[in-house]
Structures are given as structure tokens and as C-alpha cells.
Amino acid sequence: MDIVKFVLLLPTILLILIAGVYLSVKLKWLQIFRLPYALSLIGVKRGENKFSSIAALFTILGGNLGVGNISGTAVALKTGGPGSILWMAIIIAITSVIKYVTCYFSIKNRKEKNGRFIGGPVTYMADAFSSGKATILFLVIMIVVSITVGNLVQVNSLSIPLDMIDVPVVVGGILMAIIFFIVAALSLKKIKIFISAMIPIMTVSYLTLCGIILFKFSENILPSLKLITSNFLTTSSFNSGLSLGLMLEMLTIIQVGALRGIFATDIGLGLEGIVHSSIIPKKNNNKFIIEQSLITIISPFIVAFIVFITTMVLLVTDSWVTDLESTNTCIFAFRKAMNWPYVDYLIMAIMFCFAFTTIFTWFFCSKQTIRYVSMSDKYTKLWIVIFTMIIPFGAVGKVQLLWDVADISIAALLFINILAILKLTSQDPEVFAMSDRYLKLGVPAKLPSNNNTTSFIKT
């Protein structure tokens, strides 16, 4: 299994880094210099119907902010040292532009079915590889990844600490399945309201608890920051910061650190393209495509900030040097800082929300992919049942096996999607010209629009 992972992950790592640098240069580091403008778009009322831009952003954040982010931060610290967090941030900054390009092509190629738009990487696979088989291959990989990364791994990470509060691990899986099925059966409008409320609440709650810990251990903040910077340029930190998976440490200089950093943001997986393609604007034009694509660059930096805060909590409490692993390391930090008998339950409730939103986002994206290929709701209804029934198995599954399968499947999804957008940018470089024209001179309103979108958007 380790050899298979190594063979799959190494070329994927190189492809992500090459694509990140190439697209960043071509788009003039848009993900950094245009981030303030992207943030300003959130508060702009654009006359969107039903599923709004801010709801789409929250949905993507829900998918990004999984339990794996918290446990992954602990893994990165133990394997690469405190300096790995800075390497993770650098790589996220370089590669987050991939989200922009993925969303651009997803909306450009989306289709309409019964008054709803369906988009995502699946829409441009056939064009990129000049074969309809690529669409089916992407569908299969997407289903496998949604089951492993977006379902089993999340439930498993959530269930690990249940033993600490004397709750059977299977209870977490069953409870998650019940709540998920109820929410999945709701209408899109109700889901939007639920997600839009849940994401900010759980994020603010988590950051508030982290803030309390940092305040209580404020004397350790400066030494922890010095530890990060001093460890930043060490060999182990550099190697860990560049890694994108659990690889053979003896066969590569790339180790574990930024795998959890990049995977935490879902860069290159295409989720943002699927979610933002669901938005129905009153004017379906070029400006809409660029603005939605810009909004997608926000989530990686929010996630990077939360990962940094989690890192600081683990450092100031010295939890990262304990023998505990994964999620339990983080729970130990909260236990150490807060002498409150119910803190375990509060943390578990927050982590439950993190896991749930990730599971739902992956379900939604896989459902949209199935709907695009089948152009029928019959299979999506069946998918709800199958996806729900799989959830409890994550609580009792073998941790290493689940992560092995997840790493391999996610590497396959990353590889095929990034290769596709690189091929599309070479075939259709309009994304560079249109983006430059839109953002040039800071006057986005002057971008020519094509309200019919017959030549720009496939419907």
C-alpha cells in the first residue's frame, strides 16, 4: 500500500506545485493581490436567486473545515515540527489560484436541468481529454473520494475521541447518519439557511475557545512564534511543509506537513466549481463567472488562519509533544487549559459540526456529479440512501486503512482535475485574458457582458 501511495502521490505533488506557480504567474498572483476585492464581493447584492454567493462560500468552508483539519494540524506538528505551518501557508498561497481556474471552467461549461444549473470538473473532462470516458472516470473517482474522504474518514476522526468521554464510537456514526438523512431530505432553500447559520456559529465558537486558551497561556505565545520561525528553515520543516500525503519517508524528501494543509482547503478537488455552479443569477454573464471564481480564493486563507490558530493552541499548551495522536492531541489541549467538567462535550459538539458540514458538502458535490452524468434525479435519490447507510461504518473502521484508501483516491482526483485544467488553459487561454480585462485598472464594472452567454457558457 505504501508503494502505491508513493507512486500516485509524488507526481500529484509535483503537478500541483507546477500548476500553482504557472497559473499564479499567468494570472498575476490574483489570489493574493485581489483577495481584498474578493472579500468585498461577499457583501454585494447581485440579485442571485435561491443559492447565494455567501451560501456557496459557507458551503465550501463547511467542506474545508472538517475534523481532519484539527487532527491534521497535530499530525503536521509531530512529523514536521512547528515550522511546517509556515510552509503550509506558503504552499496554500501559491496553489489557491487553482480554485479560481477550476470554478471558472466549471461555470463556463455548466448545464441547466429542470431550472437548476449543474457544473463542476465533470463538465469539462470530455473537452479536456477529448473523450467521454474521462467523464465516467471522474464520476467513479468522485464517488470513491466522497465516500472515503468526505464520509468515512470524517466520521472516524470524530469517533476517535468518543472513548475519552465514555461514549461507544458507533453512537457517533449512527447519530451522524440520522441527522444527515434529515438534512439531506430538506429543500435546497432550507439547506442554505441551515449551512449559512451553522458554519459561522461553529467557526466563531471554535475560535472563541482557542482565544480563551491563548489568553490563558499568553506568556507562551511569543516563545511559540519564535519556535515556529526558528524551525521554519530547518530541513525537517521544509520537507514536511512540502508534503502532500503519507509517503515513504525513506524514499522521498517530501513528508507529511502540507498534505493536511492543502487537503484542508480542498485545493484542486473541484468542490468550489460544483457549489458555485449551482448559483442562479438574474444575469448569467461573464462578470458573474469572474466574480464567483474570485470568491473561491477566500476559503483557503480562512482555513489557513484556523489551522494557524490551532497550531498556536497546541504549542502554547505543549500538547504537541505528548504521546497522544490525531484529534486526541487537540482535545488534550482544551482539557489542560479549561478546568471545566463539560469542556469535552463542548469540543465534541463543535467537532461534530465540523464533521457534518464536511460530509454534507462532499455529498452535495458527488450528488451534483451524478446528476450531471445521468441527467436524472432517480439516481441522486438512491445516492442519498447509500451515502447515509455508509456513514456508521466510518466509526468502526480501521484508521490506517481508511486513510490509505482516502489518500490514494484523493490523489487520483487531484491528478485528473489539475491535468484537465492545465490542458484547458492551453486550449482556451481566454481565462487569462478575460480575468486580466476584468481586473485591469480596478474597474470590473467595465467588463463586457454577454447576457445570452451562448458563446461563453454552455447551457
Protein backbone atom coordinates (compact mmCIF):
# COMPACT_ATOMS: atom_id res chain seq x y z
CA MET A 1 0.00 0.00 0.00
CA ASP A 2 2.83 2.42 0.85
CA ILE A 3 4.47 1.87 -2.56
CA VAL A 4 1.15 2.51 -4.34
CA LYS A 5 0.66 5.71 -2.37
CA PHE A 6 4.18 6.87 -3.13
CA VAL A 7 3.82 6.24 -6.88
CA LEU A 8 0.48 8.09 -7.01
CA LEU A 9 1.21 10.98 -4.67
CA LEU A 10 4.64 12.08 -5.87
CA PRO A 11 3.57 13.03 -9.43
CA THR A 12 0.43 14.61 -7.99
CA ILE A 13 2.52 16.77 -5.66
CA LEU A 14 4.73 17.92 -8.49
CA LEU A 15 1.73 18.61 -10.72
CA ILE A 16 0.01 20.72 -8.04
CA LEU A 17 3.12 22.81 -7.41
CA ILE A 18 3.80 23.30 -11.13
CA ALA A 19 0.17 24.21 -11.79
CA GLY A 20 0.13 26.62 -8.84
CA VAL A 21 3.21 28.50 -9.98
CA TYR A 22 2.18 28.51 -13.66
CA LEU A 23 -1.36 29.76 -13.04
CA SER A 24 -0.20 32.28 -10.43
CA VAL A 25 2.22 33.85 -12.91
CA LYS A 26 -0.31 33.84 -15.77
CA LEU A 27 -2.98 35.40 -13.56
CA LYS A 28 -0.51 37.85 -11.96
CA TRP A 29 -0.85 36.32 -8.46
CA LEU A 30 -4.53 37.13 -8.45
CA GLN A 31 -5.17 35.02 -5.34
CA ILE A 32 -3.03 37.39 -3.26
CA PHE A 33 -3.41 40.83 -4.82
CA ARG A 34 -7.13 40.50 -5.50
CA LEU A 35 -8.07 38.89 -2.20
CA PRO A 36 -9.36 42.20 -0.69
CA TYR A 37 -11.58 42.71 -3.72
CA ALA A 38 -12.83 39.13 -3.49
CA LEU A 39 -13.81 39.79 0.13
CA SER A 40 -15.70 42.91 -0.92
CA LEU A 41 -17.84 40.82 -3.29
CA ILE A 42 -19.38 38.95 -0.36
CA GLY A 43 -21.32 41.99 0.77
CA VAL A 44 -22.52 42.94 -2.71
CA LYS A 45 -26.13 42.16 -3.57
CA ARG A 46 -26.13 40.73 -7.09
CA GLY A 47 -29.73 39.65 -7.41
CA GLU A 48 -28.97 35.96 -7.09
CA ASN A 49 -31.84 33.53 -6.77
CA LYS A 50 -32.12 30.82 -4.10
CA PHE A 51 -28.50 29.75 -3.58
CA SER A 52 -26.35 32.87 -2.99
CA SER A 53 -22.62 33.54 -3.18
CA ILE A 54 -22.26 33.76 0.57
CA ALA A 55 -24.15 30.47 0.99
CA ALA A 56 -21.79 28.92 -1.56
CA LEU A 57 -18.77 30.24 0.35
CA PHE A 58 -20.12 28.85 3.62
CA THR A 59 -20.81 25.51 1.97
CA ILE A 60 -17.22 25.32 0.70
CA LEU A 61 -15.91 26.36 4.12
CA GLY A 62 -18.08 23.64 5.60
CA GLY A 63 -16.37 21.15 3.32
CA ASN A 64 -12.93 22.52 4.13
CA LEU A 65 -13.37 22.77 7.89
CA GLY A 66 -13.57 19.10 8.74
CA VAL A 67 -12.36 17.23 11.80
CA GLY A 68 -9.37 16.24 9.66
CA ASN A 69 -8.17 19.84 9.75
CA ILE A 70 -7.84 19.75 13.51
CA SER A 71 -6.31 16.30 13.69
CA GLY A 72 -4.20 17.06 10.61
CA THR A 73 -2.62 20.05 12.34
CA ALA A 74 -1.48 17.78 15.16
CA VAL A 75 -0.06 15.31 12.63
CA ALA A 76 1.85 18.07 10.83
CA LEU A 77 3.36 19.34 14.09
CA LYS A 78 4.50 15.91 15.20
CA THR A 79 6.04 14.97 11.85
CA GLY A 80 7.46 18.25 10.58
CA GLY A 81 7.78 20.44 13.64
CA PRO A 82 6.29 23.91 14.28
CA GLY A 83 7.89 25.41 11.16
CA SER A 84 5.72 23.27 8.92
CA ILE A 85 2.79 25.64 9.47
CA LEU A 86 4.61 28.40 7.57
CA TRP A 87 5.46 26.10 4.68
CA MET A 88 1.83 25.02 4.60
CA ALA A 89 0.73 28.66 4.40
CA ILE A 90 3.18 29.43 1.58
CA ILE A 91 2.06 26.46 -0.50
CA ILE A 92 -1.60 27.28 0.09
CA ALA A 93 -0.95 30.84 -1.09
CA ILE A 94 0.72 29.56 -4.25
CA THR A 95 -1.81 26.87 -5.14
CA SER A 96 -5.10 28.52 -4.12
CA VAL A 97 -5.29 30.05 -7.61
CA ILE A 98 -6.24 26.56 -8.80
CA LYS A 99 -9.62 27.08 -7.13
CA TYR A 100 -10.18 30.20 -9.22
CA VAL A 101 -9.46 28.45 -12.52
CA THR A 102 -11.48 25.36 -11.58
CA CYS A 103 -14.52 27.48 -10.76
CA TYR A 104 -14.11 29.50 -13.97
CA PHE A 105 -14.23 26.44 -16.23
CA SER A 106 -16.93 24.80 -14.11
CA ILE A 107 -19.38 27.67 -14.51
CA LYS A 108 -18.41 28.25 -18.11
CA ASN A 109 -19.30 24.66 -19.02
CA ARG A 110 -22.25 24.08 -16.70
CA LYS A 111 -25.58 22.78 -17.94
CA GLU A 112 -29.18 23.50 -16.98
CA LYS A 113 -31.60 20.77 -15.93
CA ASN A 114 -35.15 21.49 -14.77
CA GLY A 115 -34.32 25.08 -13.89
CA ARG A 116 -31.17 24.15 -11.97
CA PHE A 117 -27.56 24.58 -13.06
CA ILE A 118 -25.13 21.68 -12.73
CA GLY A 119 -21.40 22.26 -13.04
CA GLY A 120 -18.01 21.23 -11.76
CA PRO A 121 -14.95 19.44 -13.16
CA VAL A 122 -17.15 16.70 -14.62
CA THR A 123 -18.47 19.23 -17.16
CA TYR A 124 -15.11 19.83 -18.81
CA MET A 125 -13.45 16.42 -18.58
CA ALA A 126 -14.60 15.29 -22.04
CA ASP A 127 -13.35 18.50 -23.67
CA ALA A 128 -10.03 18.41 -21.84
CA PHE A 129 -9.20 14.83 -22.76
CA SER A 130 -11.26 14.60 -25.98
CA SER A 131 -13.03 11.53 -24.67
CA GLY A 132 -16.32 10.83 -22.95
CA LYS A 133 -14.60 8.10 -20.93
CA ALA A 134 -12.86 10.82 -18.91
CA THR A 135 -16.28 11.95 -17.63
CA ILE A 136 -17.13 8.44 -16.40
CA LEU A 137 -13.67 8.05 -14.84
CA PHE A 138 -14.07 11.34 -12.98
CA LEU A 139 -17.52 10.26 -11.75
CA VAL A 140 -16.14 7.00 -10.35
CA ILE A 141 -13.22 8.73 -8.63
CA MET A 142 -15.53 11.42 -7.24
CA ILE A 143 -17.83 8.80 -5.71
CA VAL A 144 -14.91 6.94 -4.11
CA VAL A 145 -13.43 10.16 -2.68
CA SER A 146 -16.79 11.35 -1.33
CA ILE A 147 -17.23 8.00 0.44
CA THR A 148 -13.71 7.91 1.92
CA VAL A 149 -12.52 11.49 2.44
CA GLY A 150 -15.95 13.08 2.72
CA ASN A 151 -17.66 10.38 4.75
CA LEU A 152 -15.76 7.51 6.41
CA VAL A 153 -12.63 9.49 7.38
CA GLN A 154 -14.67 12.33 8.86
CA VAL A 155 -16.80 10.01 10.99
CA ASN A 156 -13.71 8.05 12.00
CA SER A 157 -11.82 11.18 13.11
CA LEU A 158 -14.87 12.28 15.07
CA SER A 159 -15.27 8.88 16.73
CA ILE A 160 -11.65 8.54 17.91
CA PRO A 161 -12.11 10.80 20.97
CA LEU A 162 -15.53 9.41 21.95
CA ASP A 163 -13.79 6.83 24.12
CA MET A 164 -12.37 9.72 26.15
CA ILE A 165 -15.89 10.65 27.26
CA ASP A 166 -17.04 7.03 27.64
CA VAL A 167 -19.33 7.03 24.61
CA PRO A 168 -19.34 4.00 22.25
CA VAL A 169 -17.81 5.04 18.91
CA VAL A 170 -20.69 3.58 16.92
CA VAL A 171 -23.07 6.05 18.59
CA GLY A 172 -21.35 8.92 16.79
CA GLY A 173 -21.77 7.21 13.44
CA ILE A 174 -25.45 6.41 13.96
CA LEU A 175 -26.26 9.91 15.23
CA MET A 176 -24.44 11.45 12.27
CA ALA A 177 -26.36 9.24 9.83
CA ILE A 178 -29.74 10.20 11.29
CA ILE A 179 -29.06 13.94 11.26
CA PHE A 180 -27.51 13.78 7.81
CA PHE A 181 -30.52 11.96 6.31
CA ILE A 182 -32.93 14.52 7.78
CA VAL A 183 -30.95 17.48 6.40
CA ALA A 184 -30.33 15.81 3.03
CA ALA A 185 -34.09 15.38 2.60
CA LEU A 186 -34.74 19.11 3.06
CA SER A 187 -35.19 21.53 0.19
CA LEU A 188 -32.22 23.49 -1.16
CA LYS A 189 -33.52 26.73 0.37
CA LYS A 190 -33.74 25.19 3.84
CA ILE A 191 -30.29 23.67 3.47
CA LYS A 192 -28.89 27.07 2.51
CA ILE A 193 -30.34 28.62 5.66
CA PHE A 194 -29.05 25.74 7.81
CA ILE A 195 -25.50 25.81 6.42
CA SER A 196 -25.32 29.62 6.37
CA ALA A 197 -26.14 29.64 10.09
CA MET A 198 -24.14 26.61 11.14
CA ILE A 199 -20.75 27.46 9.61
CA PRO A 200 -20.28 30.90 11.23
CA ILE A 201 -21.55 29.65 14.60
CA MET A 202 -19.23 26.65 14.75
CA THR A 203 -16.26 28.66 13.47
CA VAL A 204 -16.75 31.51 15.93
CA SER A 205 -17.31 29.02 18.78
CA TYR A 206 -14.10 27.18 17.99
CA LEU A 207 -12.05 30.36 17.60
CA THR A 208 -13.51 31.71 20.86
CA LEU A 209 -12.36 28.62 22.75
CA CYS A 210 -8.95 28.90 21.11
CA GLY A 211 -8.82 32.58 22.07
CA ILE A 212 -9.51 31.70 25.71
CA ILE A 213 -6.64 29.21 25.68
CA LEU A 214 -4.24 31.67 24.05
CA PHE A 215 -5.20 34.31 26.62
CA LYS A 216 -4.67 31.89 29.49
CA PHE A 217 -1.26 30.87 28.14
CA SER A 218 -0.37 34.29 26.76
CA GLU A 219 3.14 34.10 28.21
CA ASN A 220 3.84 31.20 25.83
CA ILE A 221 2.67 32.96 22.65
CA LEU A 222 5.93 34.76 21.86
CA PRO A 223 8.13 31.70 22.57
CA SER A 224 5.80 29.63 20.37
CA LEU A 225 6.09 32.13 17.50
CA LYS A 226 9.86 32.07 17.87
CA LEU A 227 9.74 28.27 17.79
CA ILE A 228 7.81 28.42 14.51
CA THR A 229 10.23 30.84 12.86
CA SER A 230 13.35 29.09 14.13
CA ASN A 231 12.04 25.75 12.89
CA PHE A 232 10.92 27.25 9.57
CA LEU A 233 14.20 26.85 7.70
CA THR A 234 15.21 23.50 9.12
CA THR A 235 15.40 20.52 6.81
CA SER A 236 12.64 18.56 8.55
CA SER A 237 10.30 21.55 8.49
CA PHE A 238 10.90 22.24 4.81
CA ASN A 239 10.41 18.62 3.85
CA SER A 240 7.23 18.28 5.92
CA GLY A 241 5.83 21.57 4.67
CA LEU A 242 6.08 20.46 1.07
CA SER A 243 4.45 17.09 1.55
CA LEU A 244 1.01 16.26 0.30
CA GLY A 245 0.49 12.77 1.68
CA LEU A 246 1.54 9.98 3.97
CA MET A 247 4.52 8.82 1.87
CA LEU A 248 7.51 6.62 2.46
CA GLU A 249 9.82 8.85 4.47
CA MET A 250 12.90 6.89 3.39
CA LEU A 251 12.10 7.24 -0.32
CA THR A 252 11.30 10.94 -0.59
CA ILE A 253 12.27 14.26 0.97
CA ILE A 254 8.61 15.27 0.92
CA GLN A 255 6.86 14.30 4.16
CA VAL A 256 3.52 14.82 5.86
CA GLY A 257 3.05 18.56 6.67
CA ALA A 258 1.33 20.34 3.83
CA LEU A 259 -0.73 17.36 2.75
CA ARG A 260 -3.01 18.26 5.60
CA GLY A 261 -2.58 21.95 4.75
CA ILE A 262 -3.53 21.56 1.08
CA PHE A 263 -6.14 18.90 1.65
CA ALA A 264 -7.61 21.08 4.41
CA THR A 265 -8.50 23.64 1.75
CA ASP A 266 -9.55 21.06 -0.88
CA ILE A 267 -7.41 22.85 -3.46
CA GLY A 268 -7.58 21.09 -6.80
CA LEU A 269 -10.53 18.83 -5.96
CA GLY A 270 -13.14 20.94 -7.74
CA LEU A 271 -15.70 21.28 -4.93
CA GLU A 272 -15.90 25.04 -5.33
CA GLY A 273 -16.73 24.70 -9.02
CA ILE A 274 -19.62 22.35 -8.25
CA VAL A 275 -21.08 24.52 -5.49
CA HIS A 276 -20.75 27.90 -7.22
CA SER A 277 -22.18 26.45 -10.43
CA SER A 278 -25.44 25.91 -8.53
CA ILE A 279 -25.98 29.65 -8.15
CA ILE A 280 -28.68 31.06 -10.43
CA PRO A 281 -28.05 34.77 -11.13
CA LYS A 282 -30.51 37.14 -12.74
CA LYS A 283 -27.86 37.94 -15.34
CA ASN A 284 -25.82 34.95 -16.41
CA ASN A 285 -22.84 36.77 -17.92
CA ASN A 286 -19.06 36.96 -17.99
CA LYS A 287 -18.92 39.21 -14.94
CA PHE A 288 -20.81 36.60 -12.91
CA ILE A 289 -18.25 33.91 -13.80
CA ILE A 290 -15.26 36.04 -12.81
CA GLU A 291 -16.83 37.22 -9.55
CA GLN A 292 -17.83 33.74 -8.45
CA SER A 293 -14.35 32.46 -9.28
CA LEU A 294 -12.80 35.25 -7.24
CA ILE A 295 -14.94 34.39 -4.22
CA THR A 296 -13.46 30.88 -4.20
CA ILE A 297 -9.98 32.18 -3.31
CA ILE A 298 -11.26 33.35 0.09
CA SER A 299 -11.80 29.97 1.76
CA PRO A 300 -8.15 28.72 1.62
CA PHE A 301 -6.95 31.73 3.60
CA ILE A 302 -9.72 31.40 6.19
CA VAL A 303 -8.83 27.74 6.65
CA ALA A 304 -5.12 28.59 6.83
CA PHE A 305 -5.88 31.09 9.62
CA ILE A 306 -7.85 28.49 11.60
CA VAL A 307 -5.06 25.95 11.14
CA PHE A 308 -2.56 28.55 12.41
CA ILE A 309 -4.70 29.25 15.50
CA THR A 310 -4.96 25.51 16.16
CA THR A 311 -1.19 25.25 15.84
CA MET A 312 -0.69 28.01 18.40
CA VAL A 313 -3.08 26.29 20.84
CA LEU A 314 -1.11 23.05 20.56
CA LEU A 315 2.20 24.89 21.01
CA VAL A 316 1.32 27.13 23.96
CA THR A 317 -0.13 24.17 25.88
CA ASP A 318 2.78 21.85 24.92
CA SER A 319 0.18 19.33 23.75
CA TRP A 320 2.08 18.63 20.56
CA VAL A 321 4.89 16.88 22.47
CA THR A 322 2.57 14.37 24.18
CA ASP A 323 2.20 10.74 23.10
CA LEU A 324 -1.40 11.35 22.01
CA GLU A 325 -2.31 11.23 18.33
CA SER A 326 -4.65 12.97 15.92
CA THR A 327 -7.82 14.53 17.38
CA ASN A 328 -6.98 13.45 20.94
CA THR A 329 -3.97 15.80 20.93
CA CYS A 330 -6.26 18.78 20.39
CA ILE A 331 -8.77 17.65 22.97
CA PHE A 332 -5.93 17.26 25.48
CA ALA A 333 -5.00 20.92 24.85
CA PHE A 334 -8.52 22.10 25.66
CA ARG A 335 -8.68 19.88 28.73
CA LYS A 336 -5.38 21.24 30.01
CA ALA A 337 -6.43 24.85 29.54
CA MET A 338 -10.00 24.68 30.82
CA ASN A 339 -10.85 23.28 34.21
CA TRP A 340 -14.48 22.71 33.26
CA PRO A 341 -16.18 19.29 33.52
CA TYR A 342 -18.20 19.76 30.33
CA VAL A 343 -15.43 21.00 28.06
CA ASP A 344 -15.10 17.56 26.44
CA TYR A 345 -18.74 17.58 25.40
CA LEU A 346 -18.49 21.14 24.07
CA ILE A 347 -15.46 20.29 21.96
CA MET A 348 -17.11 17.13 20.69
CA ALA A 349 -20.22 19.12 19.72
CA ILE A 350 -18.11 21.59 17.75
CA MET A 351 -16.18 18.77 16.09
CA PHE A 352 -19.46 17.07 15.25
CA CYS A 353 -20.47 20.22 13.37
CA PHE A 354 -17.12 20.33 11.58
CA ALA A 355 -17.52 16.71 10.51
CA PHE A 356 -21.15 17.12 9.50
CA THR A 357 -20.62 20.13 7.23
CA THR A 358 -17.73 18.35 5.51
CA ILE A 359 -19.83 15.23 4.98
CA PHE A 360 -22.72 17.25 3.61
CA THR A 361 -20.56 19.27 1.20
CA TRP A 362 -18.97 16.13 -0.23
CA PHE A 363 -22.40 14.52 -0.55
CA PHE A 364 -23.78 17.56 -2.35
CA CYS A 365 -20.84 17.67 -4.77
CA SER A 366 -20.98 13.94 -5.52
CA LYS A 367 -24.77 14.18 -5.98
CA GLN A 368 -24.36 17.02 -8.48
CA THR A 369 -21.75 15.00 -10.37
CA ILE A 370 -24.10 12.02 -10.56
CA ARG A 371 -26.94 14.28 -11.68
CA TYR A 372 -24.81 15.77 -14.46
CA VAL A 373 -23.80 12.39 -15.87
CA SER A 374 -27.23 10.75 -15.56
CA MET A 375 -29.36 13.87 -16.11
CA SER A 376 -31.87 12.20 -13.80
CA ASP A 377 -32.90 12.66 -10.16
CA LYS A 378 -33.66 8.95 -9.81
CA TYR A 379 -30.04 8.09 -9.13
CA THR A 380 -29.47 11.04 -6.78
CA LYS A 381 -32.30 9.86 -4.53
CA LEU A 382 -30.72 6.43 -4.39
CA TRP A 383 -27.37 8.08 -3.59
CA ILE A 384 -28.89 9.73 -0.50
CA VAL A 385 -29.80 6.33 0.89
CA ILE A 386 -26.45 4.71 0.03
CA PHE A 387 -24.41 7.62 1.39
CA THR A 388 -26.41 7.62 4.64
CA MET A 389 -26.02 3.88 5.16
CA ILE A 390 -22.24 4.12 4.74
CA ILE A 391 -21.78 6.76 7.48
CA PRO A 392 -21.88 4.46 10.58
CA PHE A 393 -19.14 2.23 9.14
CA GLY A 394 -16.66 5.10 9.49
CA ALA A 395 -16.98 4.95 13.27
CA VAL A 396 -15.80 1.33 13.47
CA GLY A 397 -13.39 1.24 10.52
CA LYS A 398 -9.62 0.76 10.73
CA VAL A 399 -7.99 4.19 10.85
CA GLN A 400 -4.93 3.41 8.73
CA LEU A 401 -6.87 1.54 6.05
CA LEU A 402 -9.39 4.37 5.69
CA TRP A 403 -6.64 6.98 5.34
CA ASP A 404 -4.69 4.83 2.87
CA VAL A 405 -7.68 4.46 0.57
CA ALA A 406 -8.58 8.13 1.06
CA ASP A 407 -5.07 9.31 0.15
CA ILE A 408 -4.94 7.18 -2.98
CA SER A 409 -8.40 8.20 -4.19
CA ILE A 410 -7.86 11.89 -3.48
CA ALA A 411 -4.53 11.80 -5.30
CA ALA A 412 -6.33 10.38 -8.33
CA LEU A 413 -8.98 13.11 -8.18
CA LEU A 414 -6.34 15.83 -7.83
CA PHE A 415 -4.30 14.47 -10.71
CA ILE A 416 -7.12 14.18 -13.22
CA ASN A 417 -8.65 17.58 -12.38
CA ILE A 418 -5.41 19.57 -12.38
CA LEU A 419 -4.25 17.91 -15.58
CA ALA A 420 -7.62 18.79 -17.13
CA ILE A 421 -7.47 22.49 -16.25
CA LEU A 422 -3.88 22.74 -17.49
CA LYS A 423 -4.96 21.24 -20.80
CA LEU A 424 -7.96 23.59 -20.98
CA THR A 425 -5.87 26.68 -20.29
CA SER A 426 -3.61 25.73 -23.17
CA GLN A 427 -6.58 25.08 -25.46
CA ASP A 428 -8.65 28.03 -24.26
CA PRO A 429 -6.42 30.78 -22.75
CA GLU A 430 -9.43 33.08 -22.59
CA VAL A 431 -9.45 32.66 -18.81
CA PHE A 432 -6.25 34.71 -18.61
CA ALA A 433 -7.37 37.45 -20.99
CA MET A 434 -10.85 37.73 -19.50
CA SER A 435 -9.54 37.83 -15.93
CA ASP A 436 -6.95 40.45 -16.80
CA ARG A 437 -9.54 42.55 -18.59
CA TYR A 438 -11.95 42.32 -15.69
CA LEU A 439 -9.44 43.29 -13.02
CA LYS A 440 -7.39 45.78 -15.01
CA LEU A 441 -7.38 49.34 -13.70
CA GLY A 442 -9.69 48.31 -10.87
CA VAL A 443 -12.86 48.88 -12.89
CA PRO A 444 -14.59 45.49 -13.01
CA ALA A 445 -17.90 47.07 -13.99
CA LYS A 446 -16.47 47.80 -17.46
CA LEU A 447 -16.13 44.13 -18.32
CA PRO A 448 -18.23 43.49 -21.42
CA SER A 449 -21.04 41.12 -20.61
CA ASN A 450 -22.72 38.54 -22.77
CA ASN A 451 -26.15 38.18 -21.27
CA ASN A 452 -27.09 35.36 -23.60
CA THR A 453 -23.80 33.57 -22.85
CA THR A 454 -24.24 31.40 -25.91
CA SER A 455 -20.60 31.76 -26.88
CA PHE A 456 -19.21 31.79 -23.38
CA ILE A 457 -21.30 29.42 -21.30
CA LYS A 458 -22.50 26.04 -22.45
CA THR A 459 -26.08 25.50 -21.31
